[in-house]
């Protein structure tokens, strides 16, 4: 299994756009797949600098950005990206000013 580091925005704008619900879905998906203790680190951050396209997250080591991550999208990211080593193309985002 690959190792991933997820940065999930919980800043004011992303929070207004549903970050809390998306984060809970992401955390649940990680737990259900046993990824929360194996190969995946989740870090909450206050801002990824992509306000207006949130909730946002970026996955390293490859630096894949996702935008408008709703609850369904969070589950898709766990299944397709973290487990299946693919991408969720409908949520892919090219950051305006990458961090």
Protein backbone atom coordinates (compact mmCIF):
# COMPACT_ATOMS: atom_id res chain seq x y z
CA UNK A 1 0.00 0.00 0.00
CA UNK A 2 1.15 3.53 -0.78
CA UNK A 3 1.60 6.14 1.95
CA UNK A 4 -0.41 9.34 1.66
CA UNK A 5 -0.55 12.62 3.53
CA UNK A 6 -3.87 14.44 3.19
CA UNK A 7 -4.26 18.13 3.99
CA UNK A 8 -7.91 19.08 4.44
CA UNK A 9 -8.97 22.71 4.70
CA UNK A 10 -11.11 23.66 7.67
CA UNK A 11 -10.73 27.42 7.24
CA UNK A 12 -13.67 29.83 7.44
CA UNK A 13 -14.64 29.74 3.77
CA UNK A 14 -14.37 25.96 3.40
CA UNK A 15 -16.29 25.56 6.65
CA UNK A 16 -19.10 27.67 5.23
CA UNK A 17 -19.05 25.41 2.16
CA UNK A 18 -19.57 22.18 4.16
CA UNK A 19 -16.06 21.17 5.21
CA UNK A 20 -17.19 19.69 8.52
CA UNK A 21 -19.60 17.24 6.90
CA UNK A 22 -17.07 16.33 4.21
CA UNK A 23 -14.36 15.82 6.81
CA UNK A 24 -16.57 13.46 8.83
CA UNK A 25 -17.30 11.42 5.68
CA UNK A 26 -13.57 11.30 4.88
CA UNK A 27 -12.65 10.20 8.40
CA UNK A 28 -15.36 7.53 8.37
CA UNK A 29 -14.18 6.22 5.01
CA UNK A 30 -10.60 6.03 6.30
CA UNK A 31 -11.74 4.14 9.40
CA UNK A 32 -13.92 1.70 7.43
CA UNK A 33 -10.97 0.83 5.17
CA UNK A 34 -8.53 0.63 8.07
CA UNK A 35 -6.49 3.45 6.58
CA UNK A 36 -6.63 5.71 9.63
CA UNK A 37 -3.86 3.69 11.28
CA UNK A 38 -2.06 2.44 8.19
CA UNK A 39 -0.38 4.44 5.47
CA UNK A 40 -2.58 7.56 5.55
CA UNK A 41 -2.03 10.70 7.62
CA UNK A 42 -4.78 13.32 7.73
CA UNK A 43 -3.84 16.87 8.70
CA UNK A 44 -6.40 19.63 9.13
CA UNK A 45 -5.29 23.07 8.00
CA UNK A 46 -6.82 26.52 8.29
CA UNK A 47 -6.38 27.55 4.66
CA UNK A 48 -5.07 26.13 1.41
CA UNK A 49 -5.44 29.47 -0.35
CA UNK A 50 -8.16 28.30 -2.74
CA UNK A 51 -11.13 30.07 -1.16
CA UNK A 52 -14.28 29.87 -3.23
CA UNK A 53 -13.68 26.33 -4.50
CA UNK A 54 -13.97 24.56 -1.16
CA UNK A 55 -13.96 22.36 0.64
CA UNK A 56 -10.42 21.78 -0.63
CA UNK A 57 -7.81 19.14 -0.01
CA UNK A 58 -4.43 18.15 -1.37
CA UNK A 59 -2.88 14.70 -1.27
CA UNK A 60 0.86 14.13 -1.11
CA UNK A 61 3.30 12.80 -2.18
CA UNK A 62 1.96 13.42 -5.69
CA UNK A 63 0.36 16.79 -4.91
CA UNK A 64 -3.13 16.03 -6.23
CA UNK A 65 -5.59 18.84 -5.50
CA UNK A 66 -9.31 18.31 -5.04
CA UNK A 67 -11.97 21.03 -4.83
CA UNK A 68 -15.64 21.10 -3.86
CA UNK A 69 -15.17 17.93 -1.85
CA UNK A 70 -18.62 17.08 -0.57
CA UNK A 71 -19.50 13.99 1.48
CA UNK A 72 -19.92 11.79 -1.60
CA UNK A 73 -16.66 13.10 -3.03
CA UNK A 74 -14.80 12.34 0.19
CA UNK A 75 -15.90 8.71 0.00
CA UNK A 76 -14.93 8.56 -3.70
CA UNK A 77 -11.47 9.91 -2.88
CA UNK A 78 -10.94 7.18 -0.29
CA UNK A 79 -12.06 4.45 -2.69
CA UNK A 80 -10.59 5.65 -5.99
CA UNK A 81 -7.48 7.57 -4.94
CA UNK A 82 -6.30 6.04 -1.67
CA UNK A 83 -7.38 2.45 -2.25
CA UNK A 84 -7.54 2.24 -6.06
CA UNK A 85 -4.54 4.50 -6.88
CA UNK A 86 -6.64 6.52 -9.33
CA UNK A 87 -8.09 10.02 -9.28
CA UNK A 88 -11.59 11.40 -8.91
CA UNK A 89 -11.48 13.46 -12.10
CA UNK A 90 -14.68 15.42 -11.44
CA UNK A 91 -13.10 16.92 -8.30
CA UNK A 92 -9.58 17.54 -9.64
CA UNK A 93 -8.43 21.12 -9.19
CA UNK A 94 -5.54 23.13 -10.59
CA UNK A 95 -4.70 25.55 -7.77
CA UNK A 96 -4.38 29.22 -8.65
CA UNK A 97 -1.51 29.65 -6.24
CA UNK A 98 -0.27 26.28 -5.00
CA UNK A 99 1.09 26.13 -1.47
